[in-house]
Amino acid sequence: MDTPTRRNFLGLAGNAAAAVAVGAIGVRLIEAAQAMPLASNLATVGTPPTNPVTEVQWRHPGSRPRPDWGRPRPRRRRWVCWWHRGRRRCGWRW
């Protein structure tokens, strides 16, 4: 008979933790399955809907889709500084 070692004990503890995790997941799945409602008419469960195509919402023919940010702001020049070849340069940028 083998003498118990630390490696054997840790392997046993790891297997027990895995078994507990699998059991907890199984309990959650069983609870979710019990909470699901059943169809009232089981004969029509597998049949497809009568009209699977839905109507599409169209925009006005002349309008283009735009983000809802409002009107675009005009571009203004601003004074900024940047690095160019190891030196700091400042000036007007668009």
PDB file of N, CA and C in Angstrom:
ATOM      1  N   MET A   1       0.840  -1.174   0.000  1.00  0.00           N
ATOM      2  CA  MET A   1       0.000   0.000   0.000  1.00  0.00           C
ATOM      3  C   MET A   1       0.883   1.233   0.000  1.00  0.00           C
ATOM      4  N   ASP A   2       0.508   2.216  -0.837  1.00  0.00           N
ATOM      5  CA  ASP A   2       1.309   3.439  -0.932  1.00  0.00           C
ATOM      6  C   ASP A   2       1.065   4.336   0.276  1.00  0.00           C
ATOM      7  N   THR A   3       2.105   4.989   0.692  1.00  0.00           N
ATOM      8  CA  THR A   3       1.941   5.950   1.776  1.00  0.00           C
ATOM      9  C   THR A   3       1.388   7.249   1.204  1.00  0.00           C
ATOM     10  N   PRO A   4       0.528   7.933   1.921  1.00  0.00           N
ATOM     11  CA  PRO A   4      -0.026   9.181   1.393  1.00  0.00           C
ATOM     12  C   PRO A   4       1.054  10.262   1.305  1.00  0.00           C
ATOM     13  N   THR A   5       1.067  10.950   0.209  1.00  0.00           N
ATOM     14  CA  THR A   5       2.021  12.039   0.006  1.00  0.00           C
ATOM     15  C   THR A   5       1.250  13.326  -0.238  1.00  0.00           C
ATOM     16  N   ARG A   6       1.994  14.408  -0.212  1.00  0.00           N
ATOM     17  CA  ARG A   6       1.369  15.703  -0.450  1.00  0.00           C
ATOM     18  C   ARG A   6       0.805  15.793  -1.866  1.00  0.00           C
ATOM     19  N   ARG A   7       1.502  15.207  -2.839  1.00  0.00           N
ATOM     20  CA  ARG A   7       1.047  15.230  -4.221  1.00  0.00           C
ATOM     21  C   ARG A   7      -0.272  14.467  -4.380  1.00  0.00           C
ATOM     22  N   ASN A   8      -0.387  13.316  -3.724  1.00  0.00           N
ATOM     23  CA  ASN A   8      -1.637  12.556  -3.781  1.00  0.00           C
ATOM     24  C   ASN A   8      -2.792  13.333  -3.152  1.00  0.00           C
ATOM     25  N   PHE A   9      -2.503  13.968  -2.007  1.00  0.00           N
ATOM     26  CA  PHE A   9      -3.557  14.741  -1.336  1.00  0.00           C
ATOM     27  C   PHE A   9      -4.021  15.904  -2.195  1.00  0.00           C
ATOM     28  N   LEU A  10      -3.096  16.632  -2.829  1.00  0.00           N
ATOM     29  CA  LEU A  10      -3.477  17.763  -3.673  1.00  0.00           C
ATOM     30  C   LEU A  10      -4.239  17.303  -4.913  1.00  0.00           C
ATOM     31  N   GLY A  11      -3.878  16.136  -5.455  1.00  0.00           N
ATOM     32  CA  GLY A  11      -4.623  15.593  -6.584  1.00  0.00           C
ATOM     33  C   GLY A  11      -6.038  15.236  -6.189  1.00  0.00           C
ATOM     34  N   LEU A  12      -6.198  14.669  -4.997  1.00  0.00           N
ATOM     35  CA  LEU A  12      -7.522  14.331  -4.502  1.00  0.00           C
ATOM     36  C   LEU A  12      -8.347  15.592  -4.273  1.00  0.00           C
ATOM     37  N   ALA A  13      -7.734  16.633  -3.712  1.00  0.00           N
ATOM     38  CA  ALA A  13      -8.447  17.892  -3.471  1.00  0.00           C
ATOM     39  C   ALA A  13      -8.837  18.550  -4.792  1.00  0.00           C
ATOM     40  N   GLY A  14      -7.967  18.499  -5.779  1.00  0.00           N
ATOM     41  CA  GLY A  14      -8.287  19.083  -7.089  1.00  0.00           C
ATOM     42  C   GLY A  14      -9.438  18.359  -7.754  1.00  0.00           C
ATOM     43  N   ASN A  15      -9.443  17.026  -7.669  1.00  0.00           N
ATOM     44  CA  ASN A  15     -10.545  16.264  -8.245  1.00  0.00           C
ATOM     45  C   ASN A  15     -11.858  16.556  -7.528  1.00  0.00           C
ATOM     46  N   ALA A  16     -11.811  16.730  -6.210  1.00  0.00           N
ATOM     47  CA  ALA A  16     -13.022  17.046  -5.458  1.00  0.00           C
ATOM     48  C   ALA A  16     -13.550  18.422  -5.853  1.00  0.00           C
ATOM     49  N   ALA A  17     -12.663  19.413  -6.045  1.00  0.00           N
ATOM     50  CA  ALA A  17     -13.086  20.750  -6.443  1.00  0.00           C
ATOM     51  C   ALA A  17     -13.715  20.720  -7.832  1.00  0.00           C
ATOM     52  N   ALA A  18     -13.156  19.928  -8.741  1.00  0.00           N
ATOM     53  CA  ALA A  18     -13.729  19.816 -10.084  1.00  0.00           C
ATOM     54  C   ALA A  18     -15.110  19.172 -10.025  1.00  0.00           C
ATOM     55  N   ALA A  19     -15.283  18.181  -9.192  1.00  0.00           N
ATOM     56  CA  ALA A  19     -16.583  17.522  -9.056  1.00  0.00           C
ATOM     57  C   ALA A  19     -17.622  18.485  -8.493  1.00  0.00           C
ATOM     58  N   VAL A  20     -17.241  19.307  -7.526  1.00  0.00           N
ATOM     59  CA  VAL A  20     -18.165  20.288  -6.966  1.00  0.00           C
ATOM     60  C   VAL A  20     -18.558  21.312  -8.022  1.00  0.00           C
ATOM     61  N   ALA A  21     -17.605  21.753  -8.841  1.00  0.00           N
ATOM     62  CA  ALA A  21     -17.902  22.736  -9.888  1.00  0.00           C
ATOM     63  C   ALA A  21     -18.858  22.161 -10.923  1.00  0.00           C
ATOM     64  N   VAL A  22     -18.633  20.928 -11.342  1.00  0.00           N
ATOM     65  CA  VAL A  22     -19.520  20.291 -12.318  1.00  0.00           C
ATOM     66  C   VAL A  22     -20.912  20.124 -11.724  1.00  0.00           C
ATOM     67  N   GLY A  23     -20.996  19.761 -10.453  1.00  0.00           N
ATOM     68  CA  GLY A  23     -22.289  19.614  -9.795  1.00  0.00           C
ATOM     69  C   GLY A  23     -23.040  20.932  -9.709  1.00  0.00           C
ATOM     70  N   ALA A  24     -22.331  22.021  -9.410  1.00  0.00           N
ATOM     71  CA  ALA A  24     -22.979  23.331  -9.314  1.00  0.00           C
ATOM     72  C   ALA A  24     -23.509  23.774 -10.670  1.00  0.00           C
ATOM     73  N   ILE A  25     -22.741  23.521 -11.735  1.00  0.00           N
ATOM     74  CA  ILE A  25     -23.202  23.875 -13.075  1.00  0.00           C
ATOM     75  C   ILE A  25     -24.429  23.056 -13.449  1.00  0.00           C
ATOM     76  N   GLY A  26     -24.419  21.778 -13.092  1.00  0.00           N
ATOM     77  CA  GLY A  26     -25.566  20.923 -13.375  1.00  0.00           C
ATOM     78  C   GLY A  26     -26.813  21.389 -12.655  1.00  0.00           C
ATOM     79  N   VAL A  27     -26.680  21.821 -11.404  1.00  0.00           N
ATOM     80  CA  VAL A  27     -27.834  22.327 -10.653  1.00  0.00           C
ATOM     81  C   VAL A  27     -28.393  23.572 -11.321  1.00  0.00           C
ATOM     82  N   ARG A  28     -27.517  24.474 -11.782  1.00  0.00           N
ATOM     83  CA  ARG A  28     -27.986  25.685 -12.469  1.00  0.00           C
ATOM     84  C   ARG A  28     -28.743  25.335 -13.739  1.00  0.00           C
ATOM     85  N   LEU A  29     -28.238  24.385 -14.503  1.00  0.00           N
ATOM     86  CA  LEU A  29     -28.907  24.000 -15.745  1.00  0.00           C
ATOM     87  C   LEU A  29     -30.261  23.372 -15.480  1.00  0.00           C
ATOM     88  N   ILE A  30     -30.354  22.560 -14.434  1.00  0.00           N
ATOM     89  CA  ILE A  30     -31.631  21.932 -14.097  1.00  0.00           C
ATOM     90  C   ILE A  30     -32.632  22.983 -13.649  1.00  0.00           C
ATOM     91  N   GLU A  31     -32.191  23.963 -12.840  1.00  0.00           N
ATOM     92  CA  GLU A  31     -33.097  25.035 -12.408  1.00  0.00           C
ATOM     93  C   GLU A  31     -33.582  25.844 -13.600  1.00  0.00           C
ATOM     94  N   ALA A  32     -32.705  26.129 -14.567  1.00  0.00           N
ATOM     95  CA  ALA A  32     -33.109  26.897 -15.743  1.00  0.00           C
ATOM     96  C   ALA A  32     -34.088  26.105 -16.595  1.00  0.00           C
ATOM     97  N   ALA A  33     -33.879  24.806 -16.700  1.00  0.00           N
ATOM     98  CA  ALA A  33     -34.792  23.981 -17.496  1.00  0.00           C
ATOM     99  C   ALA A  33     -36.163  23.897 -16.843  1.00  0.00           C
ATOM    100  N   GLN A  34     -36.223  23.868 -15.531  1.00  0.00           N
ATOM    101  CA  GLN A  34     -37.510  23.823 -14.851  1.00  0.00           C
ATOM    102  C   GLN A  34     -38.245  25.147 -14.969  1.00  0.00           C
ATOM    103  N   ALA A  35     -37.534  26.259 -15.111  1.00  0.00           N
ATOM    104  CA  ALA A  35     -38.165  27.566 -15.182  1.00  0.00           C
ATOM    105  C   ALA A  35     -38.690  27.893 -16.573  1.00  0.00           C
ATOM    106  N   MET A  36     -38.299  27.133 -17.593  1.00  0.00           N
ATOM    107  CA  MET A  36     -38.737  27.418 -18.955  1.00  0.00           C
ATOM    108  C   MET A  36     -40.202  27.044 -19.133  1.00  0.00           C
ATOM    109  N   PRO A  37     -40.999  27.936 -19.747  1.00  0.00           N
ATOM    110  CA  PRO A  37     -42.405  27.608 -19.961  1.00  0.00           C
ATOM    111  C   PRO A  37     -42.563  26.633 -21.121  1.00  0.00           C
ATOM    112  N   LEU A  38     -43.589  25.824 -21.042  1.00  0.00           N
ATOM    113  CA  LEU A  38     -43.900  24.892 -22.109  1.00  0.00           C
ATOM    114  C   LEU A  38     -44.894  25.522 -23.062  1.00  0.00           C
ATOM    115  N   ALA A  39     -44.849  25.115 -24.325  1.00  0.00           N
ATOM    116  CA  ALA A  39     -45.789  25.635 -25.306  1.00  0.00           C
ATOM    117  C   ALA A  39     -47.185  25.103 -25.006  1.00  0.00           C
ATOM    118  N   SER A  40     -48.197  25.954 -25.193  1.00  0.00           N
ATOM    119  CA  SER A  40     -49.563  25.533 -24.904  1.00  0.00           C
ATOM    120  C   SER A  40     -50.062  24.551 -25.954  1.00  0.00           C
ATOM    121  N   ASN A  41     -49.652  24.720 -27.208  1.00  0.00           N
ATOM    122  CA  ASN A  41     -50.075  23.823 -28.265  1.00  0.00           C
ATOM    123  C   ASN A  41     -48.827  23.175 -28.853  1.00  0.00           C
ATOM    124  N   LEU A  42     -48.519  21.981 -28.435  1.00  0.00           N
ATOM    125  CA  LEU A  42     -47.286  21.328 -28.845  1.00  0.00           C
ATOM    126  C   LEU A  42     -47.305  20.894 -30.306  1.00  0.00           C
ATOM    127  N   ALA A  43     -48.482  20.855 -30.949  1.00  0.00           N
ATOM    128  CA  ALA A  43     -48.553  20.436 -32.345  1.00  0.00           C
ATOM    129  C   ALA A  43     -47.971  21.486 -33.285  1.00  0.00           C
ATOM    130  N   THR A  44     -48.001  22.768 -32.910  1.00  0.00           N
ATOM    131  CA  THR A  44     -47.518  23.835 -33.795  1.00  0.00           C
ATOM    132  C   THR A  44     -46.121  24.311 -33.433  1.00  0.00           C
ATOM    133  N   VAL A  45     -45.448  23.609 -32.549  1.00  0.00           N
ATOM    134  CA  VAL A  45     -44.115  24.061 -32.124  1.00  0.00           C
ATOM    135  C   VAL A  45     -43.115  23.963 -33.258  1.00  0.00           C
ATOM    136  N   GLY A  46     -43.138  22.894 -34.042  1.00  0.00           N
ATOM    137  CA  GLY A  46     -42.144  22.693 -35.082  1.00  0.00           C
ATOM    138  C   GLY A  46     -42.476  23.360 -36.401  1.00  0.00           C
ATOM    139  N   THR A  47     -43.653  23.930 -36.577  1.00  0.00           N
ATOM    140  CA  THR A  47     -44.019  24.537 -37.854  1.00  0.00           C
ATOM    141  C   THR A  47     -43.478  25.955 -37.935  1.00  0.00           C
ATOM    142  N   PRO A  48     -43.027  26.395 -39.118  1.00  0.00           N
ATOM    143  CA  PRO A  48     -42.520  27.760 -39.266  1.00  0.00           C
ATOM    144  C   PRO A  48     -43.670  28.758 -39.246  1.00  0.00           C
ATOM    145  N   PRO A  49     -43.393  30.034 -38.996  1.00  0.00           N
ATOM    146  CA  PRO A  49     -44.456  31.039 -38.999  1.00  0.00           C
ATOM    147  C   PRO A  49     -45.044  31.186 -40.399  1.00  0.00           C
ATOM    148  N   THR A  50     -46.268  31.708 -40.471  1.00  0.00           N
ATOM    149  CA  THR A  50     -46.951  31.817 -41.756  1.00  0.00           C
ATOM    150  C   THR A  50     -46.273  32.850 -42.654  1.00  0.00           C
ATOM    151  N   ASN A  51     -45.819  33.969 -42.112  1.00  0.00           N
ATOM    152  CA  ASN A  51     -45.177  35.012 -42.911  1.00  0.00           C
ATOM    153  C   ASN A  51     -43.834  35.354 -42.257  1.00  0.00           C
ATOM    154  N   PRO A  52     -42.744  34.706 -42.656  1.00  0.00           N
ATOM    155  CA  PRO A  52     -41.470  34.970 -41.991  1.00  0.00           C
ATOM    156  C   PRO A  52     -40.823  36.293 -42.407  1.00  0.00           C
ATOM    157  N   VAL A  53     -41.321  36.940 -43.467  1.00  0.00           N
ATOM    158  CA  VAL A  53     -40.725  38.179 -43.949  1.00  0.00           C
ATOM    159  C   VAL A  53     -41.374  39.348 -43.227  1.00  0.00           C
ATOM    160  N   THR A  54     -40.553  40.251 -42.690  1.00  0.00           N
ATOM    161  CA  THR A  54     -41.074  41.432 -42.018  1.00  0.00           C
ATOM    162  C   THR A  54     -40.850  42.648 -42.895  1.00  0.00           C
ATOM    163  N   GLU A  55     -41.667  43.658 -42.704  1.00  0.00           N
ATOM    164  CA  GLU A  55     -41.544  44.891 -43.478  1.00  0.00           C
ATOM    165  C   GLU A  55     -40.311  45.665 -43.021  1.00  0.00           C
ATOM    166  N   VAL A  56     -39.669  46.311 -43.961  1.00  0.00           N
ATOM    167  CA  VAL A  56     -38.476  47.103 -43.684  1.00  0.00           C
ATOM    168  C   VAL A  56     -38.882  48.554 -43.552  1.00  0.00           C
ATOM    169  N   GLN A  57     -38.301  49.255 -42.592  1.00  0.00           N
ATOM    170  CA  GLN A  57     -38.580  50.676 -42.444  1.00  0.00           C
ATOM    171  C   GLN A  57     -37.646  51.440 -43.365  1.00  0.00           C
ATOM    172  N   TRP A  58     -38.227  52.151 -44.320  1.00  0.00           N
ATOM    173  CA  TRP A  58     -37.445  52.888 -45.303  1.00  0.00           C
ATOM    174  C   TRP A  58     -37.413  54.359 -44.951  1.00  0.00           C
ATOM    175  N   ARG A  59     -36.328  55.016 -45.335  1.00  0.00           N
ATOM    176  CA  ARG A  59     -36.231  56.466 -45.180  1.00  0.00           C
ATOM    177  C   ARG A  59     -36.839  57.139 -46.401  1.00  0.00           C
ATOM    178  N   HIS A  60     -36.915  58.436 -46.352  1.00  0.00           N
ATOM    179  CA  HIS A  60     -37.373  59.205 -47.503  1.00  0.00           C
ATOM    180  C   HIS A  60     -36.403  58.959 -48.641  1.00  0.00           C
ATOM    181  N   PRO A  61     -36.867  58.857 -49.891  1.00  0.00           N
ATOM    182  CA  PRO A  61     -35.953  58.524 -50.996  1.00  0.00           C
ATOM    183  C   PRO A  61     -34.786  59.495 -51.158  1.00  0.00           C
ATOM    184  N   GLY A  62     -34.971  60.776 -50.842  1.00  0.00           N
ATOM    185  CA  GLY A  62     -33.888  61.737 -51.048  1.00  0.00           C
ATOM    186  C   GLY A  62     -32.957  61.892 -49.864  1.00  0.00           C
ATOM    187  N   SER A  63     -33.289  61.317 -48.720  1.00  0.00           N
ATOM    188  CA  SER A  63     -32.461  61.549 -47.538  1.00  0.00           C
ATOM    189  C   SER A  63     -31.386  60.475 -47.417  1.00  0.00           C
ATOM    190  N   ARG A  64     -30.239  60.890 -46.901  1.00  0.00           N
ATOM    191  CA  ARG A  64     -29.155  59.963 -46.642  1.00  0.00           C
ATOM    192  C   ARG A  64     -29.056  59.732 -45.141  1.00  0.00           C
ATOM    193  N   PRO A  65     -28.673  58.549 -44.715  1.00  0.00           N
ATOM    194  CA  PRO A  65     -28.526  58.336 -43.270  1.00  0.00           C
ATOM    195  C   PRO A  65     -27.341  59.132 -42.734  1.00  0.00           C
ATOM    196  N   ARG A  66     -27.570  59.878 -41.668  1.00  0.00           N
ATOM    197  CA  ARG A  66     -26.524  60.669 -41.033  1.00  0.00           C
ATOM    198  C   ARG A  66     -26.513  60.366 -39.552  1.00  0.00           C
ATOM    199  N   PRO A  67     -25.390  60.464 -38.925  1.00  0.00           N
ATOM    200  CA  PRO A  67     -25.386  60.283 -37.476  1.00  0.00           C
ATOM    201  C   PRO A  67     -26.160  61.408 -36.804  1.00  0.00           C
ATOM    202  N   ASP A  68     -26.662  61.146 -35.624  1.00  0.00           N
ATOM    203  CA  ASP A  68     -27.486  62.122 -34.923  1.00  0.00           C
ATOM    204  C   ASP A  68     -26.645  63.084 -34.096  1.00  0.00           C
ATOM    205  N   TRP A  69     -25.568  63.555 -34.638  1.00  0.00           N
ATOM    206  CA  TRP A  69     -24.718  64.487 -33.904  1.00  0.00           C
ATOM    207  C   TRP A  69     -25.094  65.929 -34.189  1.00  0.00           C
ATOM    208  N   GLY A  70     -26.076  66.164 -35.034  1.00  0.00           N
ATOM    209  CA  GLY A  70     -26.448  67.523 -35.381  1.00  0.00           C
ATOM    210  C   GLY A  70     -25.676  67.999 -36.598  1.00  0.00           C
ATOM    211  N   ARG A  71     -25.652  69.303 -36.764  1.00  0.00           N
ATOM    212  CA  ARG A  71     -24.959  69.871 -37.919  1.00  0.00           C
ATOM    213  C   ARG A  71     -23.455  69.772 -37.732  1.00  0.00           C
ATOM    214  N   PRO A  72     -22.730  69.526 -38.811  1.00  0.00           N
ATOM    215  CA  PRO A  72     -21.267  69.506 -38.674  1.00  0.00           C
ATOM    216  C   PRO A  72     -20.736  70.905 -38.424  1.00  0.00           C
ATOM    217  N   ARG A  73     -19.782  71.007 -37.523  1.00  0.00           N
ATOM    218  CA  ARG A  73     -19.209  72.315 -37.206  1.00  0.00           C
ATOM    219  C   ARG A  73     -18.216  72.717 -38.285  1.00  0.00           C
ATOM    220  N   PRO A  74     -18.131  74.000 -38.570  1.00  0.00           N
ATOM    221  CA  PRO A  74     -17.116  74.419 -39.542  1.00  0.00           C
ATOM    222  C   PRO A  74     -15.718  74.230 -38.957  1.00  0.00           C
ATOM    223  N   ARG A  75     -14.775  73.904 -39.827  1.00  0.00           N
ATOM    224  CA  ARG A  75     -13.407  73.702 -39.375  1.00  0.00           C
ATOM    225  C   ARG A  75     -12.766  75.047 -39.081  1.00  0.00           C
ATOM    226  N   ARG A  76     -12.083  75.135 -37.969  1.00  0.00           N
ATOM    227  CA  ARG A  76     -11.415  76.373 -37.576  1.00  0.00           C
ATOM    228  C   ARG A  76      -9.932  76.114 -37.398  1.00  0.00           C
ATOM    229  N   ARG A  77      -9.150  77.134 -37.643  1.00  0.00           N
ATOM    230  CA  ARG A  77      -7.721  77.014 -37.385  1.00  0.00           C
ATOM    231  C   ARG A  77      -7.479  77.121 -35.899  1.00  0.00           C
ATOM    232  N   ARG A  78      -6.464  76.386 -35.413  1.00  0.00           N
ATOM    233  CA  ARG A  78      -6.131  76.427 -34.000  1.00  0.00           C
ATOM    234  C   ARG A  78      -4.614  76.397 -33.849  1.00  0.00           C
ATOM    235  N   TRP A  79      -4.147  76.960 -32.788  1.00  0.00           N
ATOM    236  CA  TRP A  79      -2.716  77.010 -32.490  1.00  0.00           C
ATOM    237  C   TRP A  79      -2.354  75.745 -31.713  1.00  0.00           C
ATOM    238  N   VAL A  80      -1.492  74.929 -32.269  1.00  0.00           N
ATOM    239  CA  VAL A  80      -1.088  73.691 -31.614  1.00  0.00           C
ATOM    240  C   VAL A  80       0.418  73.539 -31.710  1.00  0.00           C
ATOM    241  N   CYS A  81       0.953  72.701 -30.824  1.00  0.00           N
ATOM    242  CA  CYS A  81       2.374  72.382 -30.837  1.00  0.00           C
ATOM    243  C   CYS A  81       2.537  70.888 -31.055  1.00  0.00           C
ATOM    244  N   TRP A  82       3.615  70.502 -31.761  1.00  0.00           N
ATOM    245  CA  TRP A  82       3.866  69.096 -32.045  1.00  0.00           C
ATOM    246  C   TRP A  82       5.371  68.882 -32.106  1.00  0.00           C
ATOM    247  N   TRP A  83       5.780  67.617 -32.093  1.00  0.00           N
ATOM    248  CA  TRP A  83       7.184  67.266 -32.158  1.00  0.00           C
ATOM    249  C   TRP A  83       7.537  66.895 -33.590  1.00  0.00           C
ATOM    250  N   HIS A  84       8.625  67.453 -34.073  1.00  0.00           N
ATOM    251  CA  HIS A  84       9.090  67.166 -35.419  1.00  0.00           C
ATOM    252  C   HIS A  84      10.599  67.012 -35.375  1.00  0.00           C
ATOM    253  N   ARG A  85      11.091  65.782 -35.639  1.00  0.00           N
ATOM    254  CA  ARG A  85      12.519  65.469 -35.657  1.00  0.00           C
ATOM    255  C   ARG A  85      13.220  65.871 -34.361  1.00  0.00           C
ATOM    256  N   GLY A  86      12.556  65.571 -33.245  1.00  0.00           N
ATOM    257  CA  GLY A  86      13.165  65.824 -31.947  1.00  0.00           C
ATOM    258  C   GLY A  86      13.024  67.236 -31.440  1.00  0.00           C
ATOM    259  N   ARG A  87      12.367  68.102 -32.178  1.00  0.00           N
ATOM    260  CA  ARG A  87      12.169  69.479 -31.728  1.00  0.00           C
ATOM    261  C   ARG A  87      10.690  69.793 -31.654  1.00  0.00           C
ATOM    262  N   ARG A  88      10.360  70.680 -30.766  1.00  0.00           N
ATOM    263  CA  ARG A  88       8.970  71.098 -30.623  1.00  0.00           C
ATOM    264  C   ARG A  88       8.694  72.244 -31.575  1.00  0.00           C
ATOM    265  N   ARG A  89       7.636  72.096 -32.375  1.00  0.00           N
ATOM    266  CA  ARG A  89       7.243  73.147 -33.306  1.00  0.00           C
ATOM    267  C   ARG A  89       5.820  73.545 -32.992  1.00  0.00           C
ATOM    268  N   CYS A  90       5.515  74.810 -33.083  1.00  0.00           N
ATOM    269  CA  CYS A  90       4.185  75.322 -32.821  1.00  0.00           C
ATOM    270  C   CYS A  90       3.717  76.121 -34.032  1.00  0.00           C
ATOM    271  N   GLY A  91       2.434  76.107 -34.269  1.00  0.00           N
ATOM    272  CA  GLY A  91       1.904  76.863 -35.393  1.00  0.00           C
ATOM    273  C   GLY A  91       0.417  76.640 -35.547  1.00  0.00           C
ATOM    274  N   TRP A  92      -0.129  77.259 -36.575  1.00  0.00           N
ATOM    275  CA  TRP A  92      -1.547  77.151 -36.850  1.00  0.00           C
ATOM    276  C   TRP A  92      -1.810  75.856 -37.614  1.00  0.00           C
ATOM    277  N   ARG A  93      -2.791  75.112 -37.203  1.00  0.00           N
ATOM    278  CA  ARG A  93      -3.201  73.897 -37.884  1.00  0.00           C
ATOM    279  C   ARG A  93      -4.687  73.963 -38.169  1.00  0.00           C
ATOM    280  N   TRP A  94      -5.085  73.277 -39.194  1.00  0.00           N
ATOM    281  CA  TRP A  94      -6.510  73.216 -39.535  1.00  0.00           C
ATOM    282  C   TRP A  94      -7.197  72.228 -38.683  1.00  0.00           C
TER     283      TRP A  94
END
